[in-house]
C-alpha atoms as a PDB file:
ATOM      1  CA  MET A   1       7.982 -23.718  31.994  1.00  0.00           C
ATOM      2  CA  LYS A   2       4.608 -21.812  30.032  1.00  0.00           C
ATOM      3  CA  LYS A   3       5.440 -18.025  30.983  1.00  0.00           C
ATOM      4  CA  THR A   4       9.224 -18.582  30.029  1.00  0.00           C
ATOM      5  CA  LEU A   5       7.773 -19.602  26.296  1.00  0.00           C
ATOM      6  CA  HIS A   6       5.503 -17.015  26.235  1.00  0.00           C
ATOM      7  CA  SER A   7       8.558 -14.548  26.365  1.00  0.00           C
ATOM      8  CA  SER A   8      10.152 -16.288  23.998  1.00  0.00           C
ATOM      9  CA  PHE A   9       7.654 -16.498  21.977  1.00  0.00           C
ATOM     10  CA  PHE A  10       7.225 -12.633  22.277  1.00  0.00           C
ATOM     11  CA  LEU A  11      10.696 -11.842  22.088  1.00  0.00           C
ATOM     12  CA  ALA A  12      11.152 -13.945  18.315  1.00  0.00           C
ATOM     13  CA  ALA A  13       8.151 -12.047  16.807  1.00  0.00           C
ATOM     14  CA  ALA A  14       9.013  -8.490  18.143  1.00  0.00           C
ATOM     15  CA  LEU A  15      12.568  -9.408  15.955  1.00  0.00           C
ATOM     16  CA  LEU A  16      11.740 -11.172  12.924  1.00  0.00           C
ATOM     17  CA  SER A  17       9.173  -7.533  13.048  1.00  0.00           C
ATOM     18  CA  ALA A  18      12.487  -5.111  13.121  1.00  0.00           C
ATOM     19  CA  ALA A  19      14.159  -7.395  11.173  1.00  0.00           C
ATOM     20  CA  VAL A  20      11.244  -7.552   8.225  1.00  0.00           C
ATOM     21  CA  ALA A  21      10.999  -3.635   8.892  1.00  0.00           C
ATOM     22  CA  ALA A  22      14.932  -2.685   9.171  1.00  0.00           C
ATOM     23  CA  GLN A  23      14.516  -3.890   4.871  1.00  0.00           C
ATOM     24  CA  PRO A  24      13.691  -1.800   2.585  1.00  0.00           C
ATOM     25  CA  SER A  25      10.168  -2.681   0.314  1.00  0.00           C
ATOM     26  CA  SER A  26      10.458  -3.689  -3.426  1.00  0.00           C
ATOM     27  CA  ALA A  27       8.892  -1.010  -3.192  1.00  0.00           C
ATOM     28  CA  GLN A  28      11.496   1.621  -1.741  1.00  0.00           C
ATOM     29  CA  GLN A  29      14.038  -0.275  -3.601  1.00  0.00           C
ATOM     30  CA  ARG A  30      12.061   0.640  -6.649  1.00  0.00           C
ATOM     31  CA  TYR A  31      12.269   4.149  -5.877  1.00  0.00           C
ATOM     32  CA  GLN A  32      15.644   4.151  -4.761  1.00  0.00           C
ATOM     33  CA  GLN A  33      16.375   2.524  -8.554  1.00  0.00           C
ATOM     34  CA  GLU A  34      14.817   5.462  -9.795  1.00  0.00           C
ATOM     35  CA  MET A  35      16.267   8.421  -8.527  1.00  0.00           C
ATOM     36  CA  ALA A  36      19.320   7.497  -9.472  1.00  0.00           C
ATOM     37  CA  ALA A  37      18.348   7.195 -12.545  1.00  0.00           C
ATOM     38  CA  CYS A  38      16.616  10.612 -12.876  1.00  0.00           C
ATOM     39  CA  LYS A  39      20.377  11.581 -11.177  1.00  0.00           C
ATOM     40  CA  SER A  40      22.344  10.039 -13.448  1.00  0.00           C
ATOM     41  CA  ALA A  41      20.018  11.990 -16.642  1.00  0.00           C
ATOM     42  CA  GLN A  42      18.958   7.979 -18.065  1.00  0.00           C
ATOM     43  CA  ALA A  43      15.448   9.623 -17.564  1.00  0.00           C
ATOM     44  CA  SER A  44      13.917  10.896 -21.290  1.00  0.00           C
ATOM     45  CA  GLN A  45      12.315  14.211 -18.684  1.00  0.00           C
ATOM     46  CA  SER A  46      13.479  16.824 -16.541  1.00  0.00           C
ATOM     47  CA  ARG A  47      15.080  16.031 -13.532  1.00  0.00           C
ATOM     48  CA  ALA A  48      11.892  17.315 -11.446  1.00  0.00           C
ATOM     49  CA  ASP A  49       9.579  15.678 -13.343  1.00  0.00           C
ATOM     50  CA  CYS A  50      11.622  11.799 -12.754  1.00  0.00           C
ATOM     51  CA  GLN A  51      12.260  12.993  -9.353  1.00  0.00           C
ATOM     52  CA  ARG A  52       8.458  13.483  -8.603  1.00  0.00           C
ATOM     53  CA  GLU A  53       6.728  10.461 -10.858  1.00  0.00           C
ATOM     54  CA  ALA A  54       8.818   8.293  -8.440  1.00  0.00           C
ATOM     55  CA  GLY A  55       7.208   9.788  -5.236  1.00  0.00           C
ATOM     56  CA  ALA A  56       4.198   9.579  -7.267  1.00  0.00           C
ATOM     57  CA  ALA A  57       5.124   6.612  -7.879  1.00  0.00           C
ATOM     58  CA  LEU A  58       5.897   5.947  -4.079  1.00  0.00           C
ATOM     59  CA  ALA A  59       3.549   6.580  -2.352  1.00  0.00           C
ATOM     60  CA  GLU A  60       0.886   4.754  -4.615  1.00  0.00           C
ATOM     61  CA  ALA A  61       2.326   1.227  -4.333  1.00  0.00           C
ATOM     62  CA  LYS A  62       2.653   2.182  -0.667  1.00  0.00           C
ATOM     63  CA  ARG A  63      -1.286   2.990  -1.295  1.00  0.00           C
ATOM     64  CA  GLY A  64      -1.293  -0.271  -2.589  1.00  0.00           C
ATOM     65  CA  ALA A  65      -2.487   1.011  -5.669  1.00  0.00           C
ATOM     66  CA  LEU A  66       0.209   0.582  -8.169  1.00  0.00           C
ATOM     67  CA  VAL A  67      -0.356  -2.281 -10.866  1.00  0.00           C
ATOM     68  CA  THR A  68       2.220  -3.457 -12.272  1.00  0.00           C
ATOM     69  CA  ASP A  69       0.284  -6.755 -13.795  1.00  0.00           C
ATOM     70  CA  PRO A  70      -0.018  -7.399 -17.299  1.00  0.00           C
ATOM     71  CA  ALA A  71      -3.259  -8.551 -17.172  1.00  0.00           C
ATOM     72  CA  ALA A  72      -4.477  -5.592 -15.794  1.00  0.00           C
ATOM     73  CA  TYR A  73      -3.428  -3.347 -18.131  1.00  0.00           C
ATOM     74  CA  GLU A  74      -4.988  -5.280 -20.592  1.00  0.00           C
ATOM     75  CA  ARG A  75      -8.096  -5.423 -18.568  1.00  0.00           C
ATOM     76  CA  ASN A  76      -7.872  -1.212 -18.652  1.00  0.00           C
ATOM     77  CA  ALA A  77      -7.190  -1.236 -22.169  1.00  0.00           C
ATOM     78  CA  HIS A  78     -10.383  -3.568 -22.493  1.00  0.00           C
ATOM     79  CA  GLU A  79     -12.483  -1.385 -20.564  1.00  0.00           C
ATOM     80  CA  ARG A  80     -11.184   1.747 -21.743  1.00  0.00           C
ATOM     81  CA  CYS A  81     -11.637   0.437 -25.758  1.00  0.00           C
ATOM     82  CA  MET A  82     -15.489  -0.631 -24.406  1.00  0.00           C
ATOM     83  CA  ALA A  83     -16.499   3.371 -23.581  1.00  0.00           C
ATOM     84  CA  LEU A  84     -16.422   3.974 -27.781  1.00  0.00           C
ATOM     85  CA  PRO A  85     -19.850   3.321 -30.331  1.00  0.00           C
ATOM     86  CA  ALA A  86     -19.689  -0.455 -31.768  1.00  0.00           C
ATOM     87  CA  PRO A  87     -17.352   0.209 -35.375  1.00  0.00           C
ATOM     88  CA  GLU A  88     -14.624   2.033 -32.924  1.00  0.00           C
ATOM     89  CA  ARG A  89     -14.709  -0.231 -30.761  1.00  0.00           C
ATOM     90  CA  TYR A  90     -14.787  -3.524 -32.147  1.00  0.00           C
ATOM     91  CA  GLU A  91     -11.093  -1.592 -33.905  1.00  0.00           C
ATOM     92  CA  CYS A  92     -10.439  -0.541 -30.748  1.00  0.00           C
ATOM     93  CA  ILE A  93     -10.117  -3.942 -28.867  1.00  0.00           C
ATOM     94  CA  ALA A  94      -8.351  -5.654 -32.247  1.00  0.00           C
ATOM     95  CA  ARG A  95      -5.890  -2.784 -32.318  1.00  0.00           C
ATOM     96  CA  MET A  96      -4.966  -3.294 -28.256  1.00  0.00           C
ATOM     97  CA  ARG A  97      -4.451  -7.167 -29.842  1.00  0.00           C
ATOM     98  CA  MET A  98      -1.900  -6.198 -31.997  1.00  0.00           C
ATOM     99  CA  PRO A  99       2.273  -5.529 -32.129  1.00  0.00           C
ATOM    100  CA  ALA A 100       3.088  -2.012 -30.768  1.00  0.00           C
ATOM    101  CA  SER A 101       5.566   0.309 -31.999  1.00  0.00           C
ATOM    102  CA  GLY A 102       7.771   2.867 -30.568  1.00  0.00           C
ATOM    103  CA  SER A 103       8.502   3.551 -27.457  1.00  0.00           C
ATOM    104  CA  VAL A 104       6.964   5.343 -24.035  1.00  0.00           C
ATOM    105  CA  ALA A 105      10.648   6.989 -23.667  1.00  0.00           C
ATOM    106  CA  GLY A 106      10.444   7.698 -27.508  1.00  0.00           C
ATOM    107  CA  GLY A 107       6.787  10.050 -27.148  1.00  0.00           C
ATOM    108  CA  GLY A 108       4.447   6.981 -27.747  1.00  0.00           C
ATOM    109  CA  LEU A 109       3.372   3.403 -29.340  1.00  0.00           C
ATOM    110  CA  LEU A 110       2.040   2.625 -32.058  1.00  0.00           C
ATOM    111  CA  ARG A 111      -0.559   0.149 -32.473  1.00  0.00           C
ATOM    112  CA  GLU A 112      -2.193  -0.468 -36.702  1.00  0.00           C
ATOM    113  CA  LEU A 113      -4.693  -2.149 -37.902  1.00  0.00           C
ATOM    114  CA  VAL A 114      -5.683  -2.231 -41.283  1.00  0.00           C
ATOM    115  CA  THR A 115      -9.378  -3.291 -41.925  1.00  0.00           C
ATOM    116  CA  PRO A 116      -9.957  -3.613 -45.995  1.00  0.00           C
ATOM    117  CA  GLU A 117     -13.757  -2.819 -47.121  1.00  0.00           C
ATOM    118  CA  ASN A 118     -14.938  -3.141 -50.377  1.00  0.00           C
ATOM    119  CA  PRO A 119     -16.420   0.412 -52.043  1.00  0.00           C
ATOM    120  CA  PRO A 120     -20.087   0.910 -51.744  1.00  0.00           C
ATOM    121  CA  GLU A 121     -21.852  -1.298 -55.024  1.00  0.00           C
ATOM    122  CA  LYS A 122     -23.230   1.988 -56.400  1.00  0.00           C
ATOM    123  CA  ALA A 123     -19.556   3.077 -56.962  1.00  0.00           C
ATOM    124  CA  LEU A 124     -18.676   0.248 -58.609  1.00  0.00           C
ATOM    125  CA  GLU A 125     -21.509   0.668 -61.134  1.00  0.00           C
ATOM    126  CA  LYS A 126     -20.930   3.803 -62.620  1.00  0.00           C
ATOM    127  CA  PRO A 127     -17.995   3.339 -65.152  1.00  0.00           C
ATOM    128  CA  ILE A 128     -14.522   3.974 -64.848  1.00  0.00           C
ATOM    129  CA  LYS A 129     -13.556   7.214 -67.519  1.00  0.00           C
END
């Protein structure tokens, strides 16, 4: 009885493993969708570039290095801002918190931060002619 139970467990595990391996992963599914978009001219770049990017994203996903977590993007933006000198650093962090306009397909995302500055006191002392 014990040997039969052990054999049944092993067979069930093998079948489950084969079933999981037969299903494409979410990364593989995304790759197939991206390749279809490349072939249908929905991409904003050349077909060769599109296919190369899709392949690179699949490779990164298989390595576990492809990050799609919004919190990871925020951490990355904050780390890039931290490399700047103090005044620019604070403006960079504030700018990254602002909503973006534009699109990646259109050439890039734009963020704008308007920081009012007071004129130097000496400039206020001079009469306007």
